[in-house]
Amino acid sequence: MEEGRWYTIYHGQSRGAGVQYRQVSRFPAQDRVEIAGRGSVLIPIPWFDSVDVIVVSKKGNKNDIVIVHNGDKGYETTNKGTSTEDKDDLTAYLRRREHSLEQVLRTWINDPTMQYFYDGMSIVDGKPADPVTLLNQKNDGVTGYLDQNSHLPLKTSFTWRDPEDKQRNVEEVIFDNYRLVQGIMTPFSITRTFNGETTHQRFINRAKYNLPLDDSLFQAAVDYNPLALPKKK
């Protein structure tokens, strides 16, 4: 679980003052992101030692947004109701999840057919790094940049080709401001880039591992179709 502030960035400029968010994840394919609407404040989730099970909050601002992913399904809840996530947004999310640091460390490295390539010393945000590329049998790869001193991940990078315009795209995630949480070094600053341009940043205020999560956190029922024509009164 993590809580903090999320910023969307376009051409180097932040779109507004950012939003409060809360995210809970259960590996390998479940997560829930709650984004506080304007004028509302997220009440911090109690720590593990003061709560038995984290459940879905029944109270919320009408401007809050909740995005749930469960397997290859995605749902978005707004003040209008719950709908399936936009197809392009879901495809982009699933692509990022498949190439995420979590998937690399928990799944990719356990594949006996995986190939590893050391790409020579590199620099990430002024820090010397060792880039290592993992390549699977589908010729799909992820490059991880490890800090030469701490050996902590500084960045992940992967490429994909757009099926429509055939252009090659590069997506990267940069990790910084590591802190010790329950014995785990955790990045409290995470930046996403697309073709070298920063698109998102999130700054974590609180993080917690191994929380008991209720199944209802990752369940959603569609009751709204944003593409449907409004009903005549």
Protein backbone atom coordinates (compact mmCIF):
# COMPACT_ATOMS: atom_id res chain seq x y z
CA MET A 1 0.00 0.00 0.00
CA GLU A 2 1.18 3.51 -0.71
CA GLU A 3 -0.23 7.01 -0.29
CA GLY A 4 1.08 10.26 -1.67
CA ARG A 5 0.71 12.84 -4.40
CA TRP A 6 0.49 12.22 -8.16
CA TYR A 7 1.43 14.69 -10.90
CA THR A 8 0.67 14.54 -14.63
CA ILE A 9 3.26 16.37 -16.72
CA TYR A 10 3.01 17.63 -20.30
CA HIS A 11 5.95 19.16 -22.18
CA GLY A 12 7.84 19.61 -18.93
CA GLN A 13 5.03 21.43 -17.16
CA SER A 14 2.89 19.99 -14.37
CA ARG A 15 -0.84 19.97 -15.05
CA GLY A 16 -1.98 21.59 -11.84
CA ALA A 17 -0.91 21.06 -8.25
CA GLY A 18 -1.19 17.28 -8.40
CA VAL A 19 -3.72 15.00 -6.71
CA GLN A 20 -3.75 12.91 -3.57
CA TYR A 21 -3.81 9.21 -4.30
CA ARG A 22 -3.83 5.86 -2.54
CA GLN A 23 -2.80 2.61 -4.19
CA VAL A 24 -3.08 -0.96 -2.95
CA SER A 25 -1.59 -3.84 -4.92
CA ARG A 26 -1.63 -7.61 -4.71
CA PHE A 27 0.91 -9.37 -6.90
CA PRO A 28 0.74 -10.44 -9.64
CA ALA A 29 -2.29 -8.81 -11.27
CA GLN A 30 -4.50 -6.84 -8.88
CA ASP A 31 -4.35 -3.18 -7.94
CA ARG A 32 -6.62 -0.33 -6.93
CA VAL A 33 -5.90 3.39 -7.23
CA GLU A 34 -8.07 5.95 -5.44
CA ILE A 35 -7.64 9.58 -6.57
CA ALA A 36 -9.10 12.24 -4.29
CA GLY A 37 -11.40 14.71 -6.01
CA ARG A 38 -10.93 18.44 -5.76
CA GLY A 39 -11.73 19.71 -2.30
CA SER A 40 -11.58 16.29 -0.64
CA VAL A 41 -8.85 14.82 1.53
CA LEU A 42 -7.81 11.17 1.75
CA ILE A 43 -7.94 9.91 5.33
CA PRO A 44 -4.74 7.90 5.92
CA ILE A 45 -5.24 4.15 6.09
CA PRO A 46 -4.44 2.81 9.60
CA TRP A 47 -1.20 0.92 9.95
CA PHE A 48 -1.20 -2.86 10.01
CA ASP A 49 -0.83 -3.02 13.78
CA SER A 50 -4.09 -1.10 14.28
CA VAL A 51 -6.43 -2.72 11.77
CA ASP A 52 -7.38 -6.30 10.89
CA VAL A 53 -8.40 -5.93 7.25
CA ILE A 54 -8.38 -2.97 4.87
CA VAL A 55 -11.76 -2.71 3.15
CA VAL A 56 -13.32 -0.43 0.57
CA SER A 57 -14.28 2.94 1.99
CA LYS A 58 -18.02 3.58 1.80
CA LYS A 59 -17.63 7.35 1.94
CA GLY A 60 -16.14 9.50 -0.76
CA ASN A 61 -16.33 12.79 -2.60
CA LYS A 62 -18.42 12.79 -5.76
CA ASN A 63 -15.32 13.94 -7.65
CA ASP A 64 -13.19 10.99 -6.50
CA ILE A 65 -11.93 8.55 -9.13
CA VAL A 66 -11.23 4.86 -8.50
CA ILE A 67 -9.40 2.67 -11.02
CA VAL A 68 -9.33 -1.10 -10.45
CA HIS A 69 -7.33 -3.72 -12.34
CA ASN A 70 -7.96 -7.41 -11.84
CA GLY A 71 -6.15 -9.73 -14.22
CA ASP A 72 -6.56 -8.33 -17.74
CA LYS A 73 -9.70 -6.36 -16.81
CA GLY A 74 -9.84 -2.68 -15.93
CA TYR A 75 -12.63 -0.57 -14.41
CA GLU A 76 -13.06 3.12 -13.68
CA THR A 77 -15.51 4.56 -11.16
CA THR A 78 -16.52 8.24 -11.23
CA ASN A 79 -19.54 10.19 -10.05
CA LYS A 80 -21.40 8.82 -13.08
CA GLY A 81 -20.89 5.18 -12.15
CA THR A 82 -18.53 2.29 -12.95
CA SER A 83 -17.48 1.57 -16.54
CA THR A 84 -14.89 -0.58 -18.22
CA GLU A 85 -11.57 1.21 -18.60
CA ASP A 86 -10.83 2.83 -21.95
CA LYS A 87 -9.34 0.21 -24.28
CA ASP A 88 -6.20 2.19 -25.11
CA ASP A 89 -5.60 3.08 -21.46
CA LEU A 90 -5.97 -0.56 -20.43
CA THR A 91 -3.61 -1.75 -23.17
CA ALA A 92 -0.99 0.78 -22.08
CA TYR A 93 -1.38 -0.22 -18.43
CA LEU A 94 -1.04 -3.95 -19.16
CA ARG A 95 2.07 -3.27 -21.25
CA ARG A 96 3.67 -1.30 -18.40
CA ARG A 97 2.73 -3.95 -15.85
CA GLU A 98 4.26 -6.75 -17.93
CA HIS A 99 7.55 -4.81 -18.08
CA SER A 100 7.46 -3.48 -14.52
CA LEU A 101 10.24 -3.90 -11.98
CA GLU A 102 7.96 -6.18 -9.93
CA GLN A 103 7.42 -8.53 -12.87
CA VAL A 104 11.13 -8.56 -13.72
CA LEU A 105 12.22 -9.42 -10.17
CA ARG A 106 9.45 -11.92 -9.44
CA THR A 107 8.81 -13.55 -12.83
CA TRP A 108 11.30 -12.73 -15.56
CA ILE A 109 14.43 -13.77 -13.65
CA ASN A 110 12.86 -17.15 -12.83
CA ASP A 111 12.53 -18.05 -16.52
CA PRO A 112 15.38 -20.51 -17.30
CA THR A 113 15.36 -19.45 -20.97
CA MET A 114 15.94 -15.77 -20.16
CA GLN A 115 19.08 -14.22 -21.65
CA TYR A 116 21.10 -11.52 -19.85
CA PHE A 117 23.31 -8.85 -21.42
CA TYR A 118 25.53 -6.35 -19.64
CA ASP A 119 25.42 -3.08 -21.58
CA GLY A 120 28.40 -1.31 -20.02
CA MET A 121 28.46 1.50 -17.46
CA SER A 122 25.80 4.20 -17.72
CA ILE A 123 24.68 7.28 -15.79
CA VAL A 124 21.17 7.72 -14.32
CA ASP A 125 20.44 11.11 -12.73
CA GLY A 126 24.13 11.65 -12.12
CA LYS A 127 24.65 8.24 -10.53
CA PRO A 128 26.90 5.54 -12.07
CA ALA A 129 24.81 2.50 -12.99
CA ASP A 130 25.20 -0.99 -14.39
CA PRO A 131 22.57 -1.61 -17.11
CA VAL A 132 21.51 -5.24 -17.56
CA THR A 133 19.08 -6.26 -20.31
CA LEU A 134 16.83 -9.30 -19.92
CA LEU A 135 15.62 -10.80 -23.20
CA ASN A 136 12.99 -13.56 -23.40
CA GLN A 137 12.20 -16.06 -26.14
CA LYS A 138 9.66 -13.64 -27.68
CA ASN A 139 12.51 -11.16 -28.27
CA ASP A 140 10.90 -8.91 -25.69
CA GLY A 141 13.25 -7.23 -23.27
CA VAL A 142 13.61 -4.98 -20.23
CA THR A 143 16.76 -3.13 -19.22
CA GLY A 144 17.35 -2.55 -15.52
CA TYR A 145 19.85 0.05 -14.33
CA LEU A 146 21.43 -0.82 -10.97
CA ASP A 147 23.25 1.71 -8.79
CA GLN A 148 26.94 0.72 -8.77
CA ASN A 149 27.26 1.61 -5.09
CA SER A 150 23.99 0.49 -3.48
CA HIS A 151 22.94 -1.97 -6.23
CA LEU A 152 19.38 -0.61 -5.92
CA PRO A 153 17.33 -0.23 -9.12
CA LEU A 154 17.61 3.30 -10.53
CA LYS A 155 15.62 2.81 -13.72
CA THR A 156 13.84 0.31 -15.95
CA SER A 157 13.46 0.75 -19.69
CA PHE A 158 11.65 -1.13 -22.44
CA THR A 159 10.71 -0.50 -26.07
CA TRP A 160 7.70 -1.42 -28.16
CA ARG A 161 6.53 -0.72 -31.68
CA ASP A 162 3.19 0.97 -32.32
CA PRO A 163 1.02 -1.41 -34.40
CA GLU A 164 -0.48 1.50 -36.36
CA ASP A 165 2.35 3.88 -37.26
CA LYS A 166 5.12 1.27 -36.71
CA GLN A 167 7.12 3.81 -34.70
CA ARG A 168 9.43 2.60 -31.91
CA ASN A 169 8.53 3.88 -28.46
CA VAL A 170 10.64 3.89 -25.29
CA GLU A 171 9.06 3.82 -21.82
CA GLU A 172 11.13 4.27 -18.68
CA VAL A 173 10.53 4.39 -14.93
CA ILE A 174 13.05 6.17 -12.69
CA PHE A 175 13.33 5.35 -8.97
CA ASP A 176 14.76 7.73 -6.37
CA ASN A 177 14.65 8.81 -2.70
CA TYR A 178 14.91 5.30 -1.26
CA ARG A 179 13.82 4.74 2.35
CA LEU A 180 13.77 1.65 4.53
CA VAL A 181 10.23 0.29 5.05
CA GLN A 182 9.83 -2.98 6.97
CA GLY A 183 13.36 -3.97 6.01
CA ILE A 184 12.77 -3.20 2.31
CA MET A 185 14.47 -0.31 0.53
CA THR A 186 11.54 1.49 -1.10
CA PRO A 187 11.67 4.33 -3.67
CA PHE A 188 9.53 7.26 -2.50
CA SER A 189 9.94 9.15 -5.78
CA ILE A 190 8.87 7.46 -9.03
CA THR A 191 8.95 9.11 -12.47
CA ARG A 192 7.57 7.78 -15.75
CA THR A 193 8.84 8.91 -19.15
CA PHE A 194 7.68 8.28 -22.70
CA ASN A 195 10.19 8.74 -25.52
CA GLY A 196 12.39 10.79 -23.22
CA GLU A 197 9.64 13.13 -22.02
CA THR A 198 8.41 13.01 -18.42
CA THR A 199 4.71 12.17 -18.26
CA HIS A 200 3.97 11.27 -14.62
CA GLN A 201 5.55 11.64 -11.21
CA ARG A 202 4.41 10.35 -7.88
CA PHE A 203 5.81 11.12 -4.46
CA ILE A 204 5.00 8.63 -1.72
CA ASN A 205 4.29 9.84 1.82
CA ARG A 206 3.50 6.47 3.40
CA ALA A 207 4.11 2.87 2.36
CA LYS A 208 3.37 -0.51 3.91
CA TYR A 209 3.93 -4.13 2.88
CA ASN A 210 2.06 -7.40 3.49
CA LEU A 211 -1.23 -5.85 4.54
CA PRO A 212 -4.31 -8.11 4.64
CA LEU A 213 -6.41 -6.92 1.70
CA ASP A 214 -10.11 -7.64 1.33
CA ASP A 215 -11.09 -9.14 -2.04
CA SER A 216 -13.69 -6.40 -2.49
CA LEU A 217 -10.87 -3.92 -3.14
CA PHE A 218 -10.29 -5.49 -6.55
CA GLN A 219 -13.89 -6.12 -7.58
CA ALA A 220 -16.10 -3.86 -9.69
CA ALA A 221 -19.49 -4.13 -11.39
CA VAL A 222 -20.14 -2.16 -14.58
CA ASP A 223 -23.27 -0.01 -14.35
CA TYR A 224 -22.41 2.82 -16.73
CA ASN A 225 -21.49 3.07 -20.42
CA PRO A 226 -19.82 6.40 -21.27
CA LEU A 227 -20.44 5.79 -24.98
CA ALA A 228 -24.17 5.25 -24.60
CA LEU A 229 -26.50 8.00 -25.74
CA PRO A 230 -28.23 9.87 -22.91
CA LYS A 231 -31.74 8.73 -22.19
CA LYS A 232 -34.54 11.00 -23.30
CA LYS A 233 -36.47 12.59 -20.48
